Amino acid sequence: MQSDGLCASPGQSSVRGATPASQRKNAGRNGGPRTRDDECFGGGTDDNMDSDFDFEGNLALFDKAAVFSKISSLGAEGEKPTYRHDQNILEVKPIVYRQITVPQHQHGGKEYCTDSGLVVPSVTFDLHKRLLASAERWGLSVERRLETVGVCSSQMALSLLGGPNRLTPKNGHQLPVVVLLCGPHLQGAQGVSCGRHLANHQVETVLFLPNCLKMQECVSREATLYSRSSSQQVASSRDLPQTPVDLVINCLDHHESPLLREQSWYQSAALWANQNRAPVLSIDPAVGAVPQSVEAKWTLFLGLPLDVERAESKVYLCDVGIPKRVFQEVGIGYHSPFGCRFVIPLHTA
């Protein structure tokens, strides 16, 4: 007995619910047409697949010596440079080491170079004086310059004294002792400013400042401020320490007053410094044909170096904050050589 509507008509699939896709799949399984597969994979196989590959014959065709010789020659010609981890692989512009230029007639006669190789020429005192005067006209007053020199020179002195290895709470029983020899002029005021900053960093300072009738106002102001640090101040060389100290800072000389060397207080202070075995740091010393009265181990110049008489002294340079256009105003082509520091060493070029 047949059910109504369930009989399959001739030529139709006997599978209920069969789809065209399943019909094509079944046709392929039953040996039906495979047009697309034959086009892709139906190519005839290579008859040589049945034979073994001749490894020895092909290896004999390989000239090992000639190939490696060619590779070696290519490597020598096109060898790429190797770089360290801290080297820049990008191409950069050529480095210009002479970035500071001064007029020929104002050149000091000596050239220095920084640790990175930048050339720093020395200048004459007249050009240096005009540079500071121009900076003062633009707002870099004497007071601001004194403070800058005091900070930079004290930082250098602290480094010379041993830095963090010496100035620690554990070494409170052996604090460094520094003597500052200062004259009654601008250079002396720079030394007093340095002494105040050293005293603020727990350094025992002794300030030598003679009692002179003619003392510049900037020196009096700095001495008054120094007195608030509770550090020692003397007016006679007889009151200076009789034992060697850690450091002597010399600010006795004045650029425009060479006759100060004939004063008794100057000669006695210079004699004490030369007899004491402590190393000497000279800040902004006077230069000229006359040798320095106090032999210095280190010399600190401001802005640009002057030509020092003694080559034995190690030269340092202090950044006092003079803008670039102020240098250009007095005829100096300038690019700062200081990098990330305010005091840098200079080496004879």
C-alpha atoms as a PDB file:
ATOM      1  CA  MET A   1       0.000   0.000   0.000  1.00  0.00           C
ATOM      2  CA  GLN A   2       1.414   3.348  -0.988  1.00  0.00           C
ATOM      3  CA  SER A   3       1.161   6.444   1.123  1.00  0.00           C
ATOM      4  CA  ASP A   4      -0.313   9.535  -0.474  1.00  0.00           C
ATOM      5  CA  GLY A   5       2.322  11.965  -1.768  1.00  0.00           C
ATOM      6  CA  LEU A   6       5.345   9.857  -0.648  1.00  0.00           C
ATOM      7  CA  CYS A   7       6.147   8.103  -3.913  1.00  0.00           C
ATOM      8  CA  ALA A   8       9.247   9.377  -5.692  1.00  0.00           C
ATOM      9  CA  SER A   9       8.888  10.118  -9.324  1.00  0.00           C
ATOM     10  CA  PRO A  10      11.248   8.469 -11.823  1.00  0.00           C
ATOM     11  CA  GLY A  11      14.643  10.269 -12.148  1.00  0.00           C
ATOM     12  CA  GLN A  12      14.421  11.904  -8.709  1.00  0.00           C
ATOM     13  CA  SER A  13      16.632  11.113  -5.713  1.00  0.00           C
ATOM     14  CA  SER A  14      15.259   8.619  -3.315  1.00  0.00           C
ATOM     15  CA  VAL A  15      16.798  10.516  -0.400  1.00  0.00           C
ATOM     16  CA  ARG A  16      14.308  12.769   1.274  1.00  0.00           C
ATOM     17  CA  GLY A  17      15.333  16.425   1.460  1.00  0.00           C
ATOM     18  CA  ALA A  18      18.437  16.030  -0.732  1.00  0.00           C
ATOM     19  CA  THR A  19      20.008  19.342  -1.797  1.00  0.00           C
ATOM     20  CA  PRO A  20      21.794  20.133  -5.068  1.00  0.00           C
ATOM     21  CA  ALA A  21      25.172  20.377  -3.237  1.00  0.00           C
ATOM     22  CA  SER A  22      24.777  16.929  -1.724  1.00  0.00           C
ATOM     23  CA  GLN A  23      23.732  15.603  -5.086  1.00  0.00           C
ATOM     24  CA  ARG A  24      26.943  16.909  -6.664  1.00  0.00           C
ATOM     25  CA  LYS A  25      29.010  15.394  -3.837  1.00  0.00           C
ATOM     26  CA  ASN A  26      27.337  12.037  -4.267  1.00  0.00           C
ATOM     27  CA  ALA A  27      27.875  12.241  -7.972  1.00  0.00           C
ATOM     28  CA  GLY A  28      31.574  12.728  -7.437  1.00  0.00           C
ATOM     29  CA  ARG A  29      31.758   9.738  -5.152  1.00  0.00           C
ATOM     30  CA  ASN A  30      29.935   7.589  -7.671  1.00  0.00           C
ATOM     31  CA  GLY A  31      32.339   8.408 -10.482  1.00  0.00           C
ATOM     32  CA  GLY A  32      30.385  11.295 -11.941  1.00  0.00           C
ATOM     33  CA  PRO A  33      31.884  14.321 -13.695  1.00  0.00           C
ATOM     34  CA  ARG A  34      34.606  16.334 -11.790  1.00  0.00           C
ATOM     35  CA  THR A  35      35.136  19.185 -14.189  1.00  0.00           C
ATOM     36  CA  ARG A  36      36.733  21.772 -11.850  1.00  0.00           C
ATOM     37  CA  ASP A  37      38.933  19.275 -10.003  1.00  0.00           C
ATOM     38  CA  ASP A  38      40.188  17.827 -13.239  1.00  0.00           C
ATOM     39  CA  GLU A  39      41.183  21.254 -14.495  1.00  0.00           C
ATOM     40  CA  CYS A  40      43.272  21.865 -11.375  1.00  0.00           C
ATOM     41  CA  PHE A  41      44.624  18.463 -10.458  1.00  0.00           C
ATOM     42  CA  GLY A  42      43.931  16.336 -13.463  1.00  0.00           C
ATOM     43  CA  GLY A  43      47.231  16.861 -15.280  1.00  0.00           C
ATOM     44  CA  GLY A  44      49.219  13.844 -16.239  1.00  0.00           C
ATOM     45  CA  THR A  45      51.911  12.688 -13.848  1.00  0.00           C
ATOM     46  CA  ASP A  46      55.579  12.817 -14.758  1.00  0.00           C
ATOM     47  CA  ASP A  47      56.847   9.498 -15.977  1.00  0.00           C
ATOM     48  CA  ASN A  48      60.239  10.206 -14.335  1.00  0.00           C
ATOM     49  CA  MET A  49      58.731   9.974 -10.871  1.00  0.00           C
ATOM     50  CA  ASP A  50      59.312   6.248 -10.938  1.00  0.00           C
ATOM     51  CA  SER A  51      63.125   6.674 -11.297  1.00  0.00           C
ATOM     52  CA  ASP A  52      65.402   7.471  -8.290  1.00  0.00           C
ATOM     53  CA  PHE A  53      67.086  10.898  -7.970  1.00  0.00           C
ATOM     54  CA  ASP A  54      70.797  10.769  -8.766  1.00  0.00           C
ATOM     55  CA  PHE A  55      72.302  12.536  -5.717  1.00  0.00           C
ATOM     56  CA  GLU A  56      75.900  11.636  -6.515  1.00  0.00           C
ATOM     57  CA  GLY A  57      75.645  12.856 -10.088  1.00  0.00           C
ATOM     58  CA  ASN A  58      74.172  16.209  -9.111  1.00  0.00           C
ATOM     59  CA  LEU A  59      76.696  16.626  -6.292  1.00  0.00           C
ATOM     60  CA  ALA A  60      79.513  16.131  -8.761  1.00  0.00           C
ATOM     61  CA  LEU A  61      78.173  19.092 -10.764  1.00  0.00           C
ATOM     62  CA  PHE A  62      78.533  21.405  -7.698  1.00  0.00           C
ATOM     63  CA  ASP A  63      81.898  23.226  -7.625  1.00  0.00           C
ATOM     64  CA  LYS A  64      82.146  23.951  -3.913  1.00  0.00           C
ATOM     65  CA  ALA A  65      85.456  25.810  -4.047  1.00  0.00           C
ATOM     66  CA  ALA A  66      84.299  28.189  -6.793  1.00  0.00           C
ATOM     67  CA  VAL A  67      81.011  28.982  -5.050  1.00  0.00           C
ATOM     68  CA  PHE A  68      82.611  29.731  -1.678  1.00  0.00           C
ATOM     69  CA  SER A  69      85.294  31.834  -3.347  1.00  0.00           C
ATOM     70  CA  LYS A  70      82.595  33.949  -4.974  1.00  0.00           C
ATOM     71  CA  ILE A  71      80.756  34.338  -1.654  1.00  0.00           C
ATOM     72  CA  SER A  72      83.958  35.450   0.079  1.00  0.00           C
ATOM     73  CA  SER A  73      84.710  38.037  -2.597  1.00  0.00           C
ATOM     74  CA  LEU A  74      81.202  39.470  -2.364  1.00  0.00           C
ATOM     75  CA  GLY A  75      81.484  39.671   1.416  1.00  0.00           C
ATOM     76  CA  ALA A  76      84.770  41.583   1.240  1.00  0.00           C
ATOM     77  CA  GLU A  77      83.435  44.112  -1.269  1.00  0.00           C
ATOM     78  CA  GLY A  78      80.012  44.760   0.228  1.00  0.00           C
ATOM     79  CA  GLU A  79      80.761  44.100   3.887  1.00  0.00           C
ATOM     80  CA  LYS A  80      78.437  46.072   6.140  1.00  0.00           C
ATOM     81  CA  PRO A  81      79.911  47.844   9.178  1.00  0.00           C
ATOM     82  CA  THR A  82      79.058  46.575  12.615  1.00  0.00           C
ATOM     83  CA  TYR A  83      77.803  48.914  15.339  1.00  0.00           C
ATOM     84  CA  ARG A  84      77.958  48.892  19.093  1.00  0.00           C
ATOM     85  CA  HIS A  85      74.802  49.126  21.171  1.00  0.00           C
ATOM     86  CA  ASP A  86      75.458  52.815  21.891  1.00  0.00           C
ATOM     87  CA  GLN A  87      76.200  53.883  18.299  1.00  0.00           C
ATOM     88  CA  ASN A  88      73.753  55.636  16.017  1.00  0.00           C
ATOM     89  CA  ILE A  89      73.104  53.738  12.772  1.00  0.00           C
ATOM     90  CA  LEU A  90      71.321  56.685  11.177  1.00  0.00           C
ATOM     91  CA  GLU A  91      73.281  59.021   8.977  1.00  0.00           C
ATOM     92  CA  VAL A  92      73.975  62.372  10.638  1.00  0.00           C
ATOM     93  CA  LYS A  93      75.467  65.620   9.470  1.00  0.00           C
ATOM     94  CA  PRO A  94      79.241  66.015   9.756  1.00  0.00           C
ATOM     95  CA  ILE A  95      80.301  67.310  13.173  1.00  0.00           C
ATOM     96  CA  VAL A  96      81.652  70.859  13.224  1.00  0.00           C
ATOM     97  CA  TYR A  97      84.197  71.064  16.028  1.00  0.00           C
ATOM     98  CA  ARG A  98      85.019  74.761  15.646  1.00  0.00           C
ATOM     99  CA  GLN A  99      81.708  76.280  16.712  1.00  0.00           C
ATOM    100  CA  ILE A 100      83.167  79.302  18.526  1.00  0.00           C
ATOM    101  CA  THR A 101      84.967  81.949  16.499  1.00  0.00           C
ATOM    102  CA  VAL A 102      86.514  85.209  17.682  1.00  0.00           C
ATOM    103  CA  PRO A 103      88.001  88.122  15.727  1.00  0.00           C
ATOM    104  CA  GLN A 104      91.605  87.489  14.803  1.00  0.00           C
ATOM    105  CA  HIS A 105      92.919  90.563  16.602  1.00  0.00           C
ATOM    106  CA  GLN A 106      90.998  89.593  19.760  1.00  0.00           C
ATOM    107  CA  HIS A 107      92.235  86.005  19.878  1.00  0.00           C
ATOM    108  CA  GLY A 108      94.064  85.172  23.086  1.00  0.00           C
ATOM    109  CA  GLY A 109      96.693  83.110  21.302  1.00  0.00           C
ATOM    110  CA  LYS A 110      95.772  79.740  22.802  1.00  0.00           C
ATOM    111  CA  GLU A 111      93.059  77.225  21.992  1.00  0.00           C
ATOM    112  CA  TYR A 112      91.455  74.567  24.141  1.00  0.00           C
ATOM    113  CA  CYS A 113      89.138  71.665  23.449  1.00  0.00           C
ATOM    114  CA  THR A 114      86.395  70.009  25.466  1.00  0.00           C
ATOM    115  CA  ASP A 115      86.036  66.308  26.253  1.00  0.00           C
ATOM    116  CA  SER A 116      83.880  65.946  23.128  1.00  0.00           C
ATOM    117  CA  GLY A 117      86.468  67.664  20.914  1.00  0.00           C
ATOM    118  CA  LEU A 118      84.837  71.090  20.528  1.00  0.00           C
ATOM    119  CA  VAL A 119      87.377  73.882  20.085  1.00  0.00           C
ATOM    120  CA  VAL A 120      87.194  76.755  22.591  1.00  0.00           C
ATOM    121  CA  PRO A 121      89.524  79.669  21.768  1.00  0.00           C
ATOM    122  CA  SER A 122      90.948  81.972  24.397  1.00  0.00           C
ATOM    123  CA  VAL A 123      90.193  85.687  24.198  1.00  0.00           C
ATOM    124  CA  THR A 124      91.909  88.865  25.263  1.00  0.00           C
ATOM    125  CA  PHE A 125      90.946  90.579  28.477  1.00  0.00           C
ATOM    126  CA  ASP A 126      89.534  93.568  26.550  1.00  0.00           C
ATOM    127  CA  LEU A 127      87.123  91.357  24.592  1.00  0.00           C
ATOM    128  CA  HIS A 128      86.149  89.476  27.747  1.00  0.00           C
ATOM    129  CA  LYS A 129      85.468  92.761  29.518  1.00  0.00           C
ATOM    130  CA  ARG A 130      83.280  94.017  26.654  1.00  0.00           C
ATOM    131  CA  LEU A 131      81.394  90.713  26.682  1.00  0.00           C
ATOM    132  CA  LEU A 132      80.531  91.001  30.383  1.00  0.00           C
ATOM    133  CA  ALA A 133      79.623  94.685  29.983  1.00  0.00           C
ATOM    134  CA  SER A 134      77.284  93.876  27.092  1.00  0.00           C
ATOM    135  CA  ALA A 135      75.629  91.116  29.128  1.00  0.00           C
ATOM    136  CA  GLU A 136      75.169  93.554  32.007  1.00  0.00           C
ATOM    137  CA  ARG A 137      73.430  96.043  29.716  1.00  0.00           C
ATOM    138  CA  TRP A 138      70.955  93.340  28.714  1.00  0.00           C
ATOM    139  CA  GLY A 139      70.108  92.478  32.324  1.00  0.00           C
ATOM    140  CA  LEU A 140      72.800  90.079  33.536  1.00  0.00           C
ATOM    141  CA  SER A 141      73.714  92.261  36.488  1.00  0.00           C
ATOM    142  CA  VAL A 142      76.802  91.914  38.637  1.00  0.00           C
ATOM    143  CA  GLU A 143      74.703  90.477  41.471  1.00  0.00           C
ATOM    144  CA  ARG A 144      73.246  87.774  39.236  1.00  0.00           C
ATOM    145  CA  ARG A 145      76.679  86.936  37.882  1.00  0.00           C
ATOM    146  CA  LEU A 146      78.124  86.729  41.390  1.00  0.00           C
ATOM    147  CA  GLU A 147      75.462  84.239  42.399  1.00  0.00           C
ATOM    148  CA  THR A 148      76.009  82.122  39.288  1.00  0.00           C
ATOM    149  CA  VAL A 149      79.773  82.068  39.762  1.00  0.00           C
ATOM    150  CA  GLY A 150      79.314  81.227  43.440  1.00  0.00           C
ATOM    151  CA  VAL A 151      77.082  78.250  42.677  1.00  0.00           C
ATOM    152  CA  CYS A 152      79.225  76.868  39.834  1.00  0.00           C
ATOM    153  CA  SER A 153      82.554  77.315  41.614  1.00  0.00           C
ATOM    154  CA  SER A 154      81.205  75.765  44.822  1.00  0.00           C
ATOM    155  CA  GLN A 155      79.932  72.765  42.851  1.00  0.00           C
ATOM    156  CA  MET A 156      83.388  72.347  41.362  1.00  0.00           C
ATOM    157  CA  ALA A 157      84.995  72.693  44.797  1.00  0.00           C
ATOM    158  CA  LEU A 158      82.629  70.110  46.290  1.00  0.00           C
ATOM    159  CA  SER A 159      83.594  67.705  43.524  1.00  0.00           C
ATOM    160  CA  LEU A 160      87.299  68.319  44.172  1.00  0.00           C
ATOM    161  CA  LEU A 161      86.755  67.659  47.871  1.00  0.00           C
ATOM    162  CA  GLY A 162      85.362  64.202  47.171  1.00  0.00           C
ATOM    163  CA  GLY A 163      81.692  64.852  46.510  1.00  0.00           C
ATOM    164  CA  PRO A 164      79.264  62.324  48.020  1.00  0.00           C
ATOM    165  CA  ASN A 165      82.114  60.104  49.202  1.00  0.00           C
ATOM    166  CA  ARG A 166      83.302  62.824  51.576  1.00  0.00           C
ATOM    167  CA  LEU A 167      80.197  64.827  52.432  1.00  0.00           C
ATOM    168  CA  THR A 168      78.007  62.235  54.120  1.00  0.00           C
ATOM    169  CA  PRO A 169      76.430  62.102  57.595  1.00  0.00           C
ATOM    170  CA  LYS A 170      78.851  59.301  58.482  1.00  0.00           C
ATOM    171  CA  ASN A 171      81.806  61.667  57.944  1.00  0.00           C
ATOM    172  CA  GLY A 172      80.510  64.401  60.214  1.00  0.00           C
ATOM    173  CA  HIS A 173      83.612  64.092  62.388  1.00  0.00           C
ATOM    174  CA  GLN A 174      85.995  64.970  59.520  1.00  0.00           C
ATOM    175  CA  LEU A 175      84.370  67.732  57.507  1.00  0.00           C
ATOM    176  CA  PRO A 176      86.567  69.316  54.808  1.00  0.00           C
ATOM    177  CA  VAL A 177      88.208  72.664  55.529  1.00  0.00           C
ATOM    178  CA  VAL A 178      88.440  75.290  52.776  1.00  0.00           C
ATOM    179  CA  VAL A 179      90.240  78.645  52.999  1.00  0.00           C
ATOM    180  CA  LEU A 180      89.110  81.452  50.686  1.00  0.00           C
ATOM    181  CA  LEU A 181      91.638  84.218  49.987  1.00  0.00           C
ATOM    182  CA  CYS A 182      89.666  87.204  48.710  1.00  0.00           C
ATOM    183  CA  GLY A 183      90.628  90.740  47.790  1.00  0.00           C
ATOM    184  CA  PRO A 184      88.485  93.898  48.139  1.00  0.00           C
ATOM    185  CA  HIS A 185      87.229  93.795  44.535  1.00  0.00           C
ATOM    186  CA  LEU A 186      84.829  91.996  42.195  1.00  0.00           C
ATOM    187  CA  GLN A 187      86.979  88.862  41.954  1.00  0.00           C
ATOM    188  CA  GLY A 188      87.069  88.754  45.745  1.00  0.00           C
ATOM    189  CA  ALA A 189      83.272  89.025  45.889  1.00  0.00           C
ATOM    190  CA  GLN A 190      83.056  85.947  43.664  1.00  0.00           C
ATOM    191  CA  GLY A 191      85.167  84.052  46.182  1.00  0.00           C
ATOM    192  CA  VAL A 192      82.993  85.187  49.098  1.00  0.00           C
ATOM    193  CA  SER A 193      79.897  83.985  47.238  1.00  0.00           C
ATOM    194  CA  CYS A 194      81.574  80.620  46.677  1.00  0.00           C
ATOM    195  CA  GLY A 195      82.427  80.370  50.381  1.00  0.00           C
ATOM    196  CA  ARG A 196      78.829  81.035  51.399  1.00  0.00           C
ATOM    197  CA  HIS A 197      77.559  78.197  49.226  1.00  0.00           C
ATOM    198  CA  LEU A 198      80.249  75.862  50.545  1.00  0.00           C
ATOM    199  CA  ALA A 199      79.282  76.715  54.119  1.00  0.00           C
ATOM    200  CA  ASN A 200      75.669  75.880  53.274  1.00  0.00           C
ATOM    201  CA  HIS A 201      76.868  72.378  52.316  1.00  0.00           C
ATOM    202  CA  GLN A 202      78.495  71.666  55.681  1.00  0.00           C
ATOM    203  CA  VAL A 203      82.013  72.630  54.607  1.00  0.00           C
ATOM    204  CA  GLU A 204      84.135  74.392  57.223  1.00  0.00           C
ATOM    205  CA  THR A 205      85.186  77.624  55.522  1.00  0.00           C
ATOM    206  CA  VAL A 206      87.656  80.301  56.580  1.00  0.00           C
ATOM    207  CA  LEU A 207      87.345  83.598  54.712  1.00  0.00           C
ATOM    208  CA  PHE A 208      90.365  85.872  54.459  1.00  0.00           C
ATOM    209  CA  LEU A 209      89.271  89.426  53.595  1.00  0.00           C
ATOM    210  CA  PRO A 210      91.551  92.371  54.455  1.00  0.00           C
ATOM    211  CA  ASN A 211      90.268  95.503  56.130  1.00  0.00           C
ATOM    212  CA  CYS A 212      90.615  98.064  53.348  1.00  0.00           C
ATOM    213  CA  LEU A 213      89.305 101.597  53.224  1.00  0.00           C
ATOM    214  CA  LYS A 214      88.387 101.232  49.557  1.00  0.00           C
ATOM    215  CA  MET A 215      86.233  98.146  49.263  1.00  0.00           C
ATOM    216  CA  GLN A 216      83.713  97.695  46.483  1.00  0.00           C
ATOM    217  CA  GLU A 217      80.080  97.612  47.506  1.00  0.00           C
ATOM    218  CA  CYS A 218      79.519  94.152  46.030  1.00  0.00           C
ATOM    219  CA  VAL A 219      82.214  92.775  48.350  1.00  0.00           C
ATOM    220  CA  SER A 220      80.601  94.359  51.412  1.00  0.00           C
ATOM    221  CA  ARG A 221      77.211  92.900  50.526  1.00  0.00           C
ATOM    222  CA  GLU A 222      78.629  89.427  49.962  1.00  0.00           C
ATOM    223  CA  ALA A 223      80.624  89.588  53.208  1.00  0.00           C
ATOM    224  CA  THR A 224      77.515  90.616  55.145  1.00  0.00           C
ATOM    225  CA  LEU A 225      75.580  87.696  53.699  1.00  0.00           C
ATOM    226  CA  TYR A 226      78.492  85.340  54.387  1.00  0.00           C
ATOM    227  CA  SER A 227      78.514  86.374  58.055  1.00  0.00           C
ATOM    228  CA  ARG A 228      75.048  84.827  58.471  1.00  0.00           C
ATOM    229  CA  SER A 229      76.514  81.375  57.768  1.00  0.00           C
ATOM    230  CA  SER A 230      78.317  81.345  61.157  1.00  0.00           C
ATOM    231  CA  SER A 231      81.601  80.600  59.387  1.00  0.00           C
ATOM    232  CA  GLN A 232      84.954  82.077  60.291  1.00  0.00           C
ATOM    233  CA  GLN A 233      86.252  85.320  58.778  1.00  0.00           C
ATOM    234  CA  VAL A 234      89.738  86.761  59.347  1.00  0.00           C
ATOM    235  CA  ALA A 235      91.555  89.882  58.182  1.00  0.00           C
ATOM    236  CA  SER A 236      95.145  88.799  58.845  1.00  0.00           C
ATOM    237  CA  SER A 237      97.154  85.887  57.505  1.00  0.00           C
ATOM    238  CA  ARG A 238      98.343  85.187  61.073  1.00  0.00           C
ATOM    239  CA  ASP A 239      94.827  83.979  61.878  1.00  0.00           C
ATOM    240  CA  LEU A 240      94.742  81.457  59.032  1.00  0.00           C
ATOM    241  CA  PRO A 241      95.087  77.735  59.850  1.00  0.00           C
ATOM    242  CA  GLN A 242      98.655  76.655  60.499  1.00  0.00           C
ATOM    243  CA  THR A 243      97.997  73.068  59.439  1.00  0.00           C
ATOM    244  CA  PRO A 244      97.312  71.941  55.853  1.00  0.00           C
ATOM    245  CA  VAL A 245      93.689  72.328  54.796  1.00  0.00           C
ATOM    246  CA  ASP A 246      91.738  70.450  52.147  1.00  0.00           C
ATOM    247  CA  LEU A 247      91.486  73.243  49.575  1.00  0.00           C
ATOM    248  CA  VAL A 248      92.522  76.870  49.070  1.00  0.00           C
ATOM    249  CA  ILE A 249      90.445  79.082  46.774  1.00  0.00           C
ATOM    250  CA  ASN A 250      92.404  82.053  45.481  1.00  0.00           C
ATOM    251  CA  CYS A 251      90.583  85.275  44.571  1.00  0.00           C
ATOM    252  CA  LEU A 252      93.287  87.777  45.518  1.00  0.00           C
ATOM    253  CA  ASP A 253      94.074  89.207  42.074  1.00  0.00           C
ATOM    254  CA  HIS A 254      92.182  91.890  40.212  1.00  0.00           C
ATOM    255  CA  HIS A 255      92.324  92.294  36.443  1.00  0.00           C
ATOM    256  CA  GLU A 256      92.791  96.054  36.498  1.00  0.00           C
ATOM    257  CA  SER A 257      94.722  96.561  39.752  1.00  0.00           C
ATOM    258  CA  PRO A 258      98.129  94.881  39.453  1.00  0.00           C
ATOM    259  CA  LEU A 259      99.527  97.150  42.188  1.00  0.00           C
ATOM    260  CA  LEU A 260      97.598  95.139  44.770  1.00  0.00           C
ATOM    261  CA  ARG A 261     100.464  92.662  44.731  1.00  0.00           C
ATOM    262  CA  GLU A 262     102.610  95.234  46.493  1.00  0.00           C
ATOM    263  CA  GLN A 263     100.265  95.410  49.480  1.00  0.00           C
ATOM    264  CA  SER A 264     101.446  93.693  52.655  1.00  0.00           C
ATOM    265  CA  TRP A 265      98.176  91.812  53.170  1.00  0.00           C
ATOM    266  CA  TYR A 266      98.412  90.419  49.623  1.00  0.00           C
ATOM    267  CA  GLN A 267     101.999  89.249  49.989  1.00  0.00           C
ATOM    268  CA  SER A 268     101.388  87.620  53.370  1.00  0.00           C
ATOM    269  CA  ALA A 269      98.287  85.793  52.111  1.00  0.00           C
ATOM    270  CA  ALA A 270     100.099  84.585  48.975  1.00  0.00           C
ATOM    271  CA  LEU A 271     103.027  83.404  51.093  1.00  0.00           C
ATOM    272  CA  TRP A 272     100.696  81.468  53.384  1.00  0.00           C
ATOM    273  CA  ALA A 273      99.005  79.786  50.389  1.00  0.00           C
ATOM    274  CA  ASN A 274     102.315  78.721  48.844  1.00  0.00           C
ATOM    275  CA  GLN A 275     103.622  77.356  52.147  1.00  0.00           C
ATOM    276  CA  ASN A 276     100.438  75.451  52.904  1.00  0.00           C
ATOM    277  CA  ARG A 277     100.379  72.070  51.212  1.00  0.00           C
ATOM    278  CA  ALA A 278      96.755  72.299  50.140  1.00  0.00           C
ATOM    279  CA  PRO A 279      95.852  72.349  46.420  1.00  0.00           C
ATOM    280  CA  VAL A 280      94.712  75.712  45.066  1.00  0.00           C
ATOM    281  CA  LEU A 281      91.718  76.603  42.903  1.00  0.00           C
ATOM    282  CA  SER A 282      91.917  80.049  41.262  1.00  0.00           C
ATOM    283  CA  ILE A 283      88.630  81.657  40.221  1.00  0.00           C
ATOM    284  CA  ASP A 284      88.768  84.174  37.368  1.00  0.00           C
ATOM    285  CA  PRO A 285      92.483  84.951  37.823  1.00  0.00           C
ATOM    286  CA  ALA A 286      94.200  87.985  36.371  1.00  0.00           C
ATOM    287  CA  VAL A 287      96.369  87.200  33.366  1.00  0.00           C
ATOM    288  CA  GLY A 288      99.359  89.001  31.970  1.00  0.00           C
ATOM    289  CA  ALA A 289     103.091  88.909  31.636  1.00  0.00           C
ATOM    290  CA  VAL A 290     103.589  88.643  35.403  1.00  0.00           C
ATOM    291  CA  PRO A 291     103.328  85.051  36.711  1.00  0.00           C
ATOM    292  CA  GLN A 292     100.651  84.183  39.241  1.00  0.00           C
ATOM    293  CA  SER A 293     101.619  84.832  42.852  1.00  0.00           C
ATOM    294  CA  VAL A 294      99.865  81.677  44.041  1.00  0.00           C
ATOM    295  CA  GLU A 295     100.504  78.463  42.158  1.00  0.00           C
ATOM    296  CA  ALA A 296      97.140  76.962  41.269  1.00  0.00           C
ATOM    297  CA  LYS A 297      96.332  73.374  40.448  1.00  0.00           C
ATOM    298  CA  TRP A 298      92.983  74.315  38.887  1.00  0.00           C
ATOM    299  CA  THR A 299      91.864  77.509  37.159  1.00  0.00           C
ATOM    300  CA  LEU A 300      88.227  78.437  36.558  1.00  0.00           C
ATOM    301  CA  PHE A 301      87.374  80.962  33.833  1.00  0.00           C
ATOM    302  CA  LEU A 302      84.021  82.614  33.171  1.00  0.00           C
ATOM    303  CA  GLY A 303      82.255  82.373  29.804  1.00  0.00           C
ATOM    304  CA  LEU A 304      85.409  82.099  27.689  1.00  0.00           C
ATOM    305  CA  PRO A 305      88.974  81.355  28.799  1.00  0.00           C
ATOM    306  CA  LEU A 306      91.791  83.844  28.964  1.00  0.00           C
ATOM    307  CA  ASP A 307      95.359  82.956  28.095  1.00  0.00           C
ATOM    308  CA  VAL A 308      96.904  81.662  31.319  1.00  0.00           C
ATOM    309  CA  GLU A 309     100.600  82.122  31.949  1.00  0.00           C
ATOM    310  CA  ARG A 310     101.221  78.733  33.550  1.00  0.00           C
ATOM    311  CA  ALA A 311     100.369  75.634  31.554  1.00  0.00           C
ATOM    312  CA  GLU A 312     100.608  73.368  34.614  1.00  0.00           C
ATOM    313  CA  SER A 313      97.224  74.517  35.869  1.00  0.00           C
ATOM    314  CA  LYS A 314      94.208  72.503  34.744  1.00  0.00           C
ATOM    315  CA  VAL A 315      91.727  74.835  33.073  1.00  0.00           C
ATOM    316  CA  TYR A 316      87.967  74.750  33.630  1.00  0.00           C
ATOM    317  CA  LEU A 317      85.211  76.875  32.136  1.00  0.00           C
ATOM    318  CA  CYS A 318      82.085  78.134  33.886  1.00  0.00           C
ATOM    319  CA  ASP A 319      78.776  78.983  32.214  1.00  0.00           C
ATOM    320  CA  VAL A 320      77.644  82.306  33.681  1.00  0.00           C
ATOM    321  CA  GLY A 321      74.435  82.491  31.630  1.00  0.00           C
ATOM    322  CA  ILE A 322      75.411  84.854  28.803  1.00  0.00           C
ATOM    323  CA  PRO A 323      72.924  84.515  25.900  1.00  0.00           C
ATOM    324  CA  LYS A 324      74.103  83.654  22.399  1.00  0.00           C
ATOM    325  CA  ARG A 325      73.163  86.998  20.871  1.00  0.00           C
ATOM    326  CA  VAL A 326      75.255  88.847  23.435  1.00  0.00           C
ATOM    327  CA  PHE A 327      78.296  86.957  22.161  1.00  0.00           C
ATOM    328  CA  GLN A 328      77.360  87.907  18.613  1.00  0.00           C
ATOM    329  CA  GLU A 329      77.010  91.543  19.643  1.00  0.00           C
ATOM    330  CA  VAL A 330      80.735  91.735  20.437  1.00  0.00           C
ATOM    331  CA  GLY A 331      81.755  89.819  17.300  1.00  0.00           C
ATOM    332  CA  ILE A 332      81.966  86.269  18.708  1.00  0.00           C
ATOM    333  CA  GLY A 333      80.370  83.407  16.809  1.00  0.00           C
ATOM    334  CA  TYR A 334      79.140  81.225  19.637  1.00  0.00           C
ATOM    335  CA  HIS A 335      77.610  77.820  20.207  1.00  0.00           C
ATOM    336  CA  SER A 336      77.514  76.564  23.787  1.00  0.00           C
ATOM    337  CA  PRO A 337      80.177  73.912  24.518  1.00  0.00           C
ATOM    338  CA  PHE A 338      78.755  73.029  27.949  1.00  0.00           C
ATOM    339  CA  GLY A 339      76.279  70.319  26.997  1.00  0.00           C
ATOM    340  CA  CYS A 340      74.470  69.165  30.157  1.00  0.00           C
ATOM    341  CA  ARG A 341      76.946  70.731  32.618  1.00  0.00           C
ATOM    342  CA  PHE A 342      77.708  74.209  33.914  1.00  0.00           C
ATOM    343  CA  VAL A 343      81.431  73.629  34.533  1.00  0.00           C
ATOM    344  CA  ILE A 344      83.538  71.731  31.993  1.00  0.00           C
ATOM    345  CA  PRO A 345      87.250  70.900  31.777  1.00  0.00           C
ATOM    346  CA  LEU A 346      89.328  72.308  28.937  1.00  0.00           C
ATOM    347  CA  HIS A 347      92.377  70.653  27.430  1.00  0.00           C
ATOM    348  CA  THR A 348      95.171  72.278  25.481  1.00  0.00           C
ATOM    349  CA  ALA A 349      94.491  71.773  21.784  1.00  0.00           C
END
